[in-house]
Amino acid sequence: MQAHGSTQPTTDQSPSRSGVFSAQTDKRLEAFSESISFDHRLYQHDIRGSIAHARMLAHCGLLTQEEFAQIESALREIESEIAAGKMAWRPELEDIHMHIESALIERLGDVGRKLHTARSRNDQVNTDLRMWIRDALDEVDSLLQRLQRAFVDRCERDADVILPAYTHLQRAQPVTAAHFWLAYVEKFQRDRDRIADCRRRVNICGLGAAACAGTSLPIDRQMTAEELGFEGVAANSIDVSSDRDFVVETAFVLAMIAEHLSGWAEEWILWSTVEFGFLKLPHQFCTGSSIMPQKVNPDTLELTRGKTARVIGNLQTLLVLIKGLPLAYNRDLQEDKPPLFDSFDTVRACLELAIPIVEQAQLQREAIAQRLDDGFLDATTLMEHLILQGIPQRTAHHLVGKLVGMAQARRCRLADLTPDELRSACADLDPSALDALGVEKAVKAYRSYGSSNPQLVEEQVQRWRQRLQ
């Protein structure tokens, strides 16, 4: 209810309409300019920021302690109403900030009107969005950590499996399955590192910068920043209201995560085909065909790959949005939230499904083993064995290539070549070199740090297990 003795706006219901306006806002503009349909999800951060701002105003003597107590209590009530779905969204109030302030004024009258002292919607939106992004990044980071753990857990389960690694989608060299899984762990760790780095630049408080030039009122911006958990205070009031670097950077971080998920999805789609036969996907994350009863389609993985396009597109949208904008605030920046929110929602949904798929998918061990000798995976190991015998690398490379050609003609493994065939390729070639062949021997022969040697891989697994605790 309206408090007794309070002053009333005379021309428009929106607190943002001052006495300068001589006409009501056109309804078409209200519908065109509203953002409440998407920015309502900022309500908790807006209320948290408003309470911190009001506490600072009271500390600085711009509100009485009684006024602050009334404002805090009313904002808590408003927060509960929004959480319960009792707040009606009204286009004429434009955004979540005006909805909350209008509800506050309805309860407290002039006391409610004092809340916006020494701030603008420009710095208010910037601060709310930074708080929301902080929480969103933390949530994504937690999901990435769970996905990393899922891959690390697979390392022990699949420790005895050897897989062909590919370059150019052609069989290249043998690796352990655990080594394969740790490659994804590394990728997702880089994503988490980017999140942490991005979060540092997000975690700067702009509240109190006001519209663009600061304020002549005595405020304590550091106090507000500390209460809201920010690591620092934005140093330039002009920059604050126009800065969306942190939004674009967040969208980039999310795009990179989506790219990594898309690459993983593509690989597992291939692996689940009859042609590869490496992997059986959990059926609860697959769908069927409307006409072919035998089909088990990897739709979750395909959609993960497909939704990556949206996340990449959102990043491009944001880059174009800020291109060429003059300082300081421009209403264009209202359009930063739909692509940002969509990128977060999309990546979060993909991660939430990726985790159980990684946990539950099964390697088709027998099918993998049956074809593991295909593709001459041990050819590089043979070449390196010859190098250790004193043969120059280019000579050994050419020699093993000739041996591969012979084996291809005979449709046999390198290990099946006869001593005469070896001597026909090189008279000085010692037949004992073939003792180095076979995928198991090839894997054990690796010795460089970061390679697929089982002992070195196990050390990496234990390191990651401790790191991800």
Protein backbone atom coordinates (compact mmCIF):
# COMPACT_ATOMS: atom_id res chain seq x y z
CA MET A 1 0.00 0.00 0.00
CA GLN A 2 1.05 3.60 -0.59
CA ALA A 3 2.61 5.14 2.50
CA HIS A 4 0.85 8.19 3.94
CA GLY A 5 2.19 11.54 2.84
CA SER A 6 4.35 10.25 0.00
CA THR A 7 4.69 12.08 -3.30
CA GLN A 8 3.16 10.50 -6.38
CA PRO A 9 4.50 10.28 -9.94
CA THR A 10 2.01 12.09 -12.19
CA THR A 11 2.53 10.89 -15.76
CA ASP A 12 3.73 7.30 -15.89
CA GLN A 13 3.77 4.18 -13.77
CA SER A 14 7.46 3.50 -14.37
CA PRO A 15 9.91 4.92 -11.78
CA SER A 16 12.26 5.66 -14.66
CA ARG A 17 9.87 8.31 -16.10
CA SER A 18 10.72 11.71 -14.65
CA GLY A 19 8.60 14.84 -14.63
CA VAL A 20 10.06 15.95 -17.95
CA PHE A 21 7.71 13.68 -19.89
CA SER A 22 4.44 15.20 -21.06
CA ALA A 23 2.87 12.01 -22.42
CA GLN A 24 2.44 8.41 -21.43
CA THR A 25 4.71 5.82 -23.04
CA ASP A 26 3.24 4.38 -26.23
CA LYS A 27 2.08 0.82 -25.62
CA ARG A 28 3.96 -0.32 -28.70
CA LEU A 29 7.18 1.01 -27.20
CA GLU A 30 6.42 -0.74 -23.92
CA ALA A 31 6.12 -4.05 -25.75
CA PHE A 32 9.16 -3.33 -27.90
CA SER A 33 11.49 -2.26 -25.10
CA GLU A 34 10.55 -4.59 -22.25
CA SER A 35 13.17 -7.02 -20.97
CA ILE A 36 11.27 -8.47 -18.02
CA SER A 37 10.45 -11.52 -20.14
CA PHE A 38 14.07 -12.60 -19.87
CA ASP A 39 15.84 -10.56 -17.18
CA HIS A 40 13.47 -11.65 -14.38
CA ARG A 41 16.03 -14.35 -13.63
CA LEU A 42 18.25 -11.64 -12.16
CA TYR A 43 15.81 -10.93 -9.32
CA GLN A 44 17.85 -12.51 -6.50
CA HIS A 45 21.00 -10.70 -7.56
CA ASP A 46 19.13 -7.41 -7.94
CA ILE A 47 17.69 -7.70 -4.44
CA ARG A 48 21.02 -8.71 -2.97
CA GLY A 49 22.70 -5.75 -4.65
CA SER A 50 19.93 -3.39 -3.54
CA ILE A 51 20.22 -4.46 0.10
CA ALA A 52 23.99 -3.96 0.03
CA HIS A 53 23.51 -0.56 -1.60
CA ALA A 54 20.93 0.48 0.99
CA ARG A 55 23.17 -0.65 3.84
CA MET A 56 25.97 1.45 2.42
CA LEU A 57 23.64 4.47 2.09
CA ALA A 58 22.70 4.10 5.75
CA HIS A 59 26.35 3.80 6.74
CA CYS A 60 27.08 7.03 4.85
CA GLY A 61 24.14 8.90 6.36
CA LEU A 62 22.01 8.99 3.21
CA LEU A 63 19.42 6.71 4.84
CA THR A 64 18.51 6.33 8.48
CA GLN A 65 18.97 2.92 10.07
CA GLU A 66 15.19 2.69 10.40
CA GLU A 67 14.76 3.40 6.69
CA PHE A 68 17.35 0.77 5.84
CA ALA A 69 15.58 -1.77 8.03
CA GLN A 70 12.27 -1.04 6.27
CA ILE A 71 13.88 -1.35 2.83
CA GLU A 72 15.67 -4.59 3.67
CA SER A 73 12.53 -6.16 5.12
CA ALA A 74 10.39 -5.13 2.16
CA LEU A 75 12.97 -6.40 -0.35
CA ARG A 76 13.06 -9.76 1.41
CA GLU A 77 9.27 -9.96 1.13
CA ILE A 78 9.42 -9.07 -2.56
CA GLU A 79 12.07 -11.74 -3.13
CA SER A 80 9.84 -14.35 -1.50
CA GLU A 81 6.87 -13.30 -3.63
CA ILE A 82 8.88 -13.56 -6.84
CA ALA A 83 10.24 -16.96 -5.82
CA ALA A 84 6.68 -18.12 -5.18
CA GLY A 85 5.53 -16.89 -8.59
CA LYS A 86 3.30 -14.18 -7.13
CA MET A 87 4.83 -11.25 -8.96
CA ALA A 88 2.94 -10.22 -12.10
CA TRP A 89 5.28 -9.09 -14.87
CA ARG A 90 4.13 -5.78 -16.39
CA PRO A 91 5.67 -4.58 -19.68
CA GLU A 92 5.26 -0.93 -18.68
CA LEU A 93 7.78 -1.50 -15.88
CA GLU A 94 10.32 -2.65 -18.46
CA ASP A 95 12.71 -4.81 -16.45
CA ILE A 96 13.26 -6.68 -13.21
CA HIS A 97 14.91 -3.67 -11.61
CA MET A 98 11.87 -1.46 -12.12
CA HIS A 99 9.52 -4.23 -11.01
CA ILE A 100 11.35 -4.60 -7.72
CA GLU A 101 11.67 -0.87 -7.15
CA SER A 102 8.03 -0.28 -8.03
CA ALA A 103 6.94 -3.00 -5.59
CA LEU A 104 9.16 -1.41 -2.95
CA ILE A 105 7.62 2.02 -3.51
CA GLU A 106 4.12 0.54 -3.31
CA ARG A 107 5.03 -0.74 0.15
CA LEU A 108 7.13 2.11 1.52
CA GLY A 109 6.33 5.22 -0.50
CA ASP A 110 9.07 7.86 -0.22
CA VAL A 111 11.31 5.54 1.78
CA GLY A 112 11.23 3.17 -1.19
CA ARG A 113 12.04 6.01 -3.53
CA LYS A 114 15.26 6.66 -1.63
CA LEU A 115 16.77 3.30 -2.57
CA HIS A 116 17.93 4.52 -5.98
CA THR A 117 20.04 7.27 -4.42
CA ALA A 118 23.58 7.38 -5.87
CA ARG A 119 23.03 4.68 -8.44
CA SER A 120 21.65 4.33 -11.97
CA ARG A 121 20.16 1.37 -13.73
CA ASN A 122 23.38 1.42 -15.74
CA ASP A 123 25.65 0.47 -12.85
CA GLN A 124 22.85 -1.55 -11.25
CA VAL A 125 22.44 -3.80 -14.31
CA ASN A 126 26.19 -4.15 -14.70
CA THR A 127 26.52 -5.27 -11.09
CA ASP A 128 23.55 -7.64 -11.17
CA LEU A 129 24.85 -9.27 -14.32
CA ARG A 130 28.31 -9.70 -12.86
CA MET A 131 26.87 -11.42 -9.79
CA TRP A 132 24.71 -13.67 -11.97
CA ILE A 133 27.65 -14.60 -14.19
CA ARG A 134 29.78 -15.39 -11.14
CA ASP A 135 27.20 -17.90 -9.96
CA ALA A 136 26.70 -19.29 -13.47
CA LEU A 137 30.43 -19.80 -13.98
CA ASP A 138 30.69 -21.53 -10.62
CA GLU A 139 27.87 -23.88 -11.60
CA VAL A 140 29.47 -24.71 -14.95
CA ASP A 141 32.82 -25.25 -13.26
CA SER A 142 31.24 -27.72 -10.84
CA LEU A 143 29.66 -29.65 -13.72
CA LEU A 144 32.97 -29.74 -15.58
CA GLN A 145 34.67 -31.12 -12.50
CA ARG A 146 32.05 -33.86 -12.28
CA LEU A 147 32.61 -34.68 -15.95
CA GLN A 148 36.36 -34.87 -15.37
CA ARG A 149 35.78 -37.24 -12.48
CA ALA A 150 33.59 -39.42 -14.69
CA PHE A 151 36.44 -39.77 -17.20
CA VAL A 152 39.02 -40.40 -14.46
CA ASP A 153 36.77 -43.10 -12.95
CA ARG A 154 36.63 -44.76 -16.37
CA CYS A 155 40.44 -44.93 -16.44
CA GLU A 156 40.53 -47.62 -13.76
CA ARG A 157 37.60 -49.49 -15.27
CA ASP A 158 39.14 -49.50 -18.77
CA ALA A 159 42.80 -49.75 -17.72
CA ASP A 160 43.43 -52.96 -19.69
CA VAL A 161 41.90 -51.74 -22.97
CA ILE A 162 44.10 -50.64 -25.87
CA LEU A 163 42.55 -48.44 -28.55
CA PRO A 164 43.75 -47.15 -31.89
CA ALA A 165 44.50 -43.44 -31.82
CA TYR A 166 43.68 -41.59 -35.03
CA THR A 167 45.14 -38.78 -37.05
CA HIS A 168 43.26 -37.59 -40.13
CA LEU A 169 40.64 -40.16 -39.00
CA GLN A 170 43.11 -42.86 -40.03
CA ARG A 171 44.53 -45.40 -37.59
CA ALA A 172 47.82 -44.09 -36.26
CA GLN A 173 49.27 -45.63 -33.08
CA PRO A 174 48.01 -47.75 -30.18
CA VAL A 175 47.12 -46.03 -26.90
CA THR A 176 45.50 -47.10 -23.67
CA ALA A 177 41.86 -46.23 -23.14
CA ALA A 178 42.85 -44.40 -19.97
CA HIS A 179 45.18 -42.20 -22.00
CA PHE A 180 42.29 -41.39 -24.30
CA TRP A 181 40.04 -40.46 -21.37
CA LEU A 182 42.70 -38.24 -19.82
CA ALA A 183 42.87 -36.25 -23.07
CA TYR A 184 39.32 -35.10 -22.37
CA VAL A 185 40.19 -34.36 -18.76
CA GLU A 186 42.94 -32.05 -19.99
CA LYS A 187 40.60 -30.25 -22.39
CA PHE A 188 38.00 -29.66 -19.69
CA GLN A 189 40.68 -28.47 -17.29
CA ARG A 190 41.63 -25.77 -19.78
CA ASP A 191 37.96 -24.81 -19.81
CA ARG A 192 37.99 -24.60 -16.03
CA ASP A 193 41.16 -22.52 -16.12
CA ARG A 194 39.48 -20.14 -18.54
CA ILE A 195 36.49 -19.94 -16.20
CA ALA A 196 38.74 -19.02 -13.28
CA ASP A 197 40.56 -16.41 -15.34
CA CYS A 198 37.34 -14.97 -16.72
CA ARG A 199 35.81 -14.88 -13.24
CA ARG A 200 38.59 -12.56 -12.05
CA ARG A 201 37.55 -9.93 -14.58
CA VAL A 202 33.87 -10.51 -13.87
CA ASN A 203 34.37 -10.05 -10.14
CA ILE A 204 34.72 -6.26 -10.21
CA CYS A 205 31.97 -4.11 -8.70
CA GLY A 206 30.52 -1.26 -10.74
CA LEU A 207 27.80 -0.23 -8.27
CA GLY A 208 28.02 3.42 -7.31
CA ALA A 209 29.44 4.53 -10.63
CA ALA A 210 25.92 5.82 -11.32
CA ALA A 211 24.91 6.73 -14.88
CA CYS A 212 28.34 7.53 -16.28
CA ALA A 213 30.14 10.24 -14.28
CA GLY A 214 29.88 9.06 -10.69
CA THR A 215 27.97 10.95 -7.99
CA SER A 216 28.43 14.03 -5.83
CA LEU A 217 26.86 12.19 -2.89
CA PRO A 218 29.10 10.77 -0.15
CA ILE A 219 29.12 7.01 -0.75
CA ASP A 220 31.47 4.14 0.02
CA ARG A 221 31.82 1.93 -3.06
CA GLN A 222 34.40 -0.30 -1.40
CA MET A 223 31.94 -1.18 1.35
CA THR A 224 29.33 -2.27 -1.19
CA ALA A 225 31.85 -4.28 -3.16
CA GLU A 226 33.07 -6.13 -0.08
CA GLU A 227 29.56 -6.99 1.06
CA LEU A 228 28.73 -8.40 -2.38
CA GLY A 229 31.90 -10.50 -2.49
CA PHE A 230 33.65 -8.56 -5.24
CA GLU A 231 37.43 -8.53 -5.36
CA GLY A 232 37.69 -4.93 -6.51
CA VAL A 233 35.89 -1.76 -7.55
CA ALA A 234 35.66 -0.57 -11.15
CA ALA A 235 37.96 2.43 -11.49
CA ASN A 236 36.29 4.41 -14.28
CA SER A 237 32.64 5.40 -14.07
CA ILE A 238 32.34 5.96 -17.82
CA ASP A 239 33.63 2.49 -18.57
CA VAL A 240 31.33 0.78 -16.06
CA SER A 241 28.03 1.41 -17.76
CA SER A 242 29.28 0.50 -21.24
CA ASP A 243 31.50 -2.45 -20.31
CA ARG A 244 30.28 -5.79 -21.59
CA ASP A 245 33.69 -7.35 -22.09
CA PHE A 246 32.94 -9.70 -19.23
CA VAL A 247 29.75 -10.86 -20.97
CA VAL A 248 31.52 -11.52 -24.26
CA GLU A 249 34.38 -13.28 -22.49
CA THR A 250 31.92 -15.48 -20.62
CA ALA A 251 30.20 -16.32 -23.89
CA PHE A 252 33.58 -17.25 -25.37
CA VAL A 253 34.38 -19.52 -22.42
CA LEU A 254 31.00 -21.21 -22.84
CA ALA A 255 31.60 -21.54 -26.59
CA MET A 256 34.92 -23.29 -25.99
CA ILE A 257 33.24 -25.71 -23.57
CA ALA A 258 30.57 -26.38 -26.18
CA GLU A 259 33.27 -26.95 -28.80
CA HIS A 260 34.97 -29.55 -26.61
CA LEU A 261 31.67 -31.25 -25.88
CA SER A 262 30.87 -31.26 -29.59
CA GLY A 263 34.19 -32.91 -30.45
CA TRP A 264 33.62 -35.56 -27.79
CA ALA A 265 30.06 -36.13 -29.04
CA GLU A 266 31.22 -36.52 -32.63
CA GLU A 267 33.86 -39.05 -31.63
CA TRP A 268 31.46 -41.14 -29.58
CA ILE A 269 28.86 -40.97 -32.35
CA LEU A 270 31.43 -42.51 -34.67
CA TRP A 271 32.53 -45.04 -32.09
CA SER A 272 28.96 -46.20 -31.55
CA THR A 273 28.42 -47.03 -35.24
CA VAL A 274 28.54 -50.58 -36.59
CA GLU A 275 31.52 -49.52 -38.70
CA PHE A 276 33.59 -48.68 -35.60
CA GLY A 277 31.84 -50.85 -33.03
CA PHE A 278 33.91 -49.42 -30.15
CA LEU A 279 31.17 -48.21 -27.88
CA LYS A 280 27.69 -49.03 -26.65
CA LEU A 281 25.78 -45.96 -25.53
CA PRO A 282 23.29 -46.14 -22.63
CA HIS A 283 19.86 -46.59 -24.17
CA GLN A 284 18.18 -44.11 -21.85
CA PHE A 285 20.08 -41.38 -23.69
CA CYS A 286 19.25 -42.65 -27.18
CA THR A 287 16.11 -42.61 -29.30
CA GLY A 288 14.59 -44.83 -31.94
CA SER A 289 13.33 -44.45 -35.47
CA SER A 290 9.70 -43.95 -36.44
CA ILE A 291 10.06 -46.49 -39.25
CA MET A 292 13.19 -48.62 -38.65
CA PRO A 293 12.72 -50.78 -35.55
CA GLN A 294 16.38 -51.74 -35.21
CA LYS A 295 17.66 -48.18 -34.80
CA VAL A 296 19.26 -46.88 -31.60
CA ASN A 297 20.14 -43.30 -32.48
CA PRO A 298 22.68 -41.24 -30.49
CA ASP A 299 20.37 -38.22 -30.38
CA THR A 300 21.77 -36.76 -27.15
CA LEU A 301 25.23 -36.63 -28.66
CA GLU A 302 23.92 -35.31 -31.97
CA LEU A 303 22.00 -32.55 -30.19
CA THR A 304 25.08 -31.71 -28.13
CA ARG A 305 26.96 -31.31 -31.39
CA GLY A 306 24.10 -29.34 -32.93
CA LYS A 307 23.47 -27.03 -29.98
CA THR A 308 27.10 -25.96 -30.12
CA ALA A 309 26.12 -23.93 -33.19
CA ARG A 310 23.77 -21.88 -31.00
CA VAL A 311 26.46 -21.20 -28.43
CA ILE A 312 28.91 -20.10 -31.12
CA GLY A 313 26.17 -17.97 -32.70
CA ASN A 314 25.47 -16.31 -29.35
CA LEU A 315 29.11 -15.30 -29.07
CA GLN A 316 28.98 -13.75 -32.53
CA THR A 317 25.75 -11.96 -31.61
CA LEU A 318 27.42 -10.36 -28.61
CA LEU A 319 30.50 -9.35 -30.56
CA VAL A 320 28.35 -7.65 -33.18
CA LEU A 321 26.16 -6.07 -30.47
CA ILE A 322 29.03 -4.10 -28.94
CA LYS A 323 30.78 -3.26 -32.21
CA GLY A 324 31.10 0.48 -32.60
CA LEU A 325 29.03 1.50 -29.56
CA PRO A 326 30.06 4.92 -28.23
CA LEU A 327 30.64 5.51 -24.52
CA ALA A 328 28.87 5.18 -22.18
CA TYR A 329 25.56 3.30 -21.87
CA ASN A 330 23.38 2.57 -24.89
CA ARG A 331 20.09 0.72 -24.82
CA ASP A 332 21.52 -1.79 -27.31
CA LEU A 333 23.16 -3.43 -24.30
CA GLN A 334 19.80 -4.67 -23.09
CA GLU A 335 20.14 -7.30 -25.80
CA ASP A 336 23.18 -8.86 -24.16
CA LYS A 337 21.16 -11.08 -21.85
CA PRO A 338 19.21 -13.42 -24.19
CA PRO A 339 22.35 -14.80 -25.91
CA LEU A 340 24.24 -14.99 -22.61
CA PHE A 341 21.42 -16.78 -20.81
CA ASP A 342 20.89 -19.13 -23.75
CA SER A 343 24.57 -20.06 -23.90
CA PHE A 344 24.61 -20.87 -20.20
CA ASP A 345 21.38 -22.86 -20.34
CA THR A 346 22.57 -24.80 -23.38
CA VAL A 347 26.01 -25.65 -22.01
CA ARG A 348 24.59 -26.59 -18.63
CA ALA A 349 22.05 -28.94 -20.22
CA CYS A 350 24.76 -30.56 -22.37
CA LEU A 351 27.03 -31.09 -19.36
CA GLU A 352 24.23 -32.53 -17.25
CA LEU A 353 23.67 -35.19 -19.91
CA ALA A 354 27.32 -35.76 -20.76
CA ILE A 355 28.16 -36.84 -17.21
CA PRO A 356 25.86 -39.91 -17.04
CA ILE A 357 26.69 -40.88 -20.63
CA VAL A 358 30.40 -40.97 -19.80
CA GLU A 359 29.67 -42.85 -16.60
CA GLN A 360 27.47 -45.50 -18.24
CA ALA A 361 28.74 -46.05 -21.81
CA GLN A 362 30.48 -49.39 -22.36
CA LEU A 363 33.55 -50.08 -24.45
CA GLN A 364 32.99 -53.03 -26.78
CA ARG A 365 36.17 -54.82 -25.73
CA GLU A 366 35.84 -57.87 -27.94
CA ALA A 367 35.09 -55.88 -31.07
CA ILE A 368 38.00 -53.54 -30.38
CA ALA A 369 40.43 -56.40 -29.79
CA GLN A 370 39.38 -58.25 -32.95
CA ARG A 371 40.50 -55.37 -35.16
CA LEU A 372 43.32 -53.95 -33.09
CA ASP A 373 45.97 -55.34 -35.46
CA ASP A 374 44.37 -53.57 -38.42
CA GLY A 375 46.11 -50.45 -39.67
CA PHE A 376 49.72 -51.28 -38.71
CA LEU A 377 49.52 -49.38 -35.43
CA ASP A 378 52.97 -50.66 -34.45
CA ALA A 379 54.79 -49.34 -37.54
CA THR A 380 56.08 -46.22 -35.77
CA THR A 381 57.38 -48.32 -32.89
CA LEU A 382 59.30 -50.48 -35.37
CA MET A 383 60.77 -47.37 -36.95
CA GLU A 384 61.90 -46.07 -33.57
CA HIS A 385 63.39 -49.48 -32.75
CA LEU A 386 65.49 -49.21 -35.90
CA ILE A 387 66.57 -45.69 -34.91
CA LEU A 388 67.84 -47.14 -31.64
CA GLN A 389 69.86 -49.59 -33.73
CA GLY A 390 71.66 -46.66 -35.37
CA ILE A 391 69.60 -46.28 -38.56
CA PRO A 392 68.85 -42.60 -39.43
CA GLN A 393 65.20 -41.59 -38.92
CA ARG A 394 64.45 -40.85 -42.57
CA THR A 395 66.05 -44.12 -43.64
CA ALA A 396 64.12 -46.07 -41.00
CA HIS A 397 60.92 -44.26 -41.99
CA HIS A 398 61.36 -45.26 -45.63
CA LEU A 399 62.33 -48.82 -44.76
CA VAL A 400 59.31 -49.46 -42.53
CA GLY A 401 57.10 -47.97 -45.22
CA LYS A 402 58.38 -50.60 -47.65
CA LEU A 403 57.66 -53.30 -45.08
CA VAL A 404 54.13 -51.99 -44.59
CA GLY A 405 53.64 -52.15 -48.35
CA MET A 406 54.72 -55.79 -48.36
CA ALA A 407 52.38 -56.62 -45.49
CA GLN A 408 49.51 -54.86 -47.25
CA ALA A 409 50.17 -56.92 -50.39
CA ARG A 410 50.14 -60.12 -48.34
CA ARG A 411 47.24 -58.89 -46.16
CA CYS A 412 49.15 -59.75 -43.03
CA ARG A 413 50.65 -58.03 -40.00
CA LEU A 414 54.19 -56.66 -39.93
CA ALA A 415 55.03 -59.39 -37.43
CA ASP A 416 54.01 -62.02 -40.00
CA LEU A 417 56.62 -61.03 -42.59
CA THR A 418 59.29 -63.65 -43.24
CA PRO A 419 63.06 -63.11 -42.78
CA ASP A 420 63.49 -63.25 -46.57
CA GLU A 421 60.92 -60.46 -47.00
CA LEU A 422 62.76 -58.39 -44.43
CA ARG A 423 66.10 -58.86 -46.19
CA SER A 424 64.53 -58.00 -49.53
CA ALA A 425 63.68 -54.60 -48.10
CA CYS A 426 67.07 -54.13 -46.44
CA ALA A 427 69.90 -56.64 -46.51
CA ASP A 428 71.22 -55.45 -43.14
CA LEU A 429 67.89 -55.62 -41.35
CA ASP A 430 68.05 -57.85 -38.30
CA PRO A 431 64.94 -60.12 -38.14
CA SER A 432 64.98 -59.69 -34.35
CA ALA A 433 63.56 -56.20 -34.97
CA LEU A 434 60.18 -57.86 -35.39
CA ASP A 435 60.29 -58.77 -31.70
CA ALA A 436 59.36 -55.17 -31.01
CA LEU A 437 56.06 -55.51 -32.87
CA GLY A 438 52.53 -55.89 -31.51
CA VAL A 439 50.25 -53.27 -29.99
CA GLU A 440 50.92 -54.37 -26.41
CA LYS A 441 54.68 -54.06 -26.90
CA ALA A 442 54.24 -50.78 -28.72
CA VAL A 443 52.29 -49.28 -25.84
CA LYS A 444 54.84 -50.43 -23.27
CA ALA A 445 57.68 -49.06 -25.40
CA TYR A 446 56.52 -45.44 -24.98
CA ARG A 447 58.72 -43.60 -22.51
CA SER A 448 58.27 -39.84 -23.00
CA TYR A 449 56.37 -37.78 -20.43
CA GLY A 450 52.72 -37.46 -21.46
CA SER A 451 52.83 -40.60 -23.58
CA SER A 452 50.59 -43.67 -23.43
CA ASN A 453 52.97 -45.88 -21.46
CA PRO A 454 50.66 -47.64 -18.96
CA GLN A 455 52.81 -46.79 -15.96
CA LEU A 456 53.05 -43.12 -16.92
CA VAL A 457 49.31 -43.00 -17.60
CA GLU A 458 48.59 -44.49 -14.18
CA GLU A 459 50.70 -41.79 -12.58
CA GLN A 460 48.62 -39.20 -14.43
CA VAL A 461 45.40 -40.87 -13.32
CA GLN A 462 46.47 -40.71 -9.67
CA ARG A 463 47.50 -37.09 -10.06
CA TRP A 464 44.12 -36.20 -11.50
CA ARG A 465 42.28 -38.24 -8.86
CA GLN A 466 43.97 -36.20 -6.11
CA ARG A 467 43.47 -32.93 -7.96
CA LEU A 468 39.75 -33.51 -8.47
CA GLN A 469 38.96 -34.54 -4.90
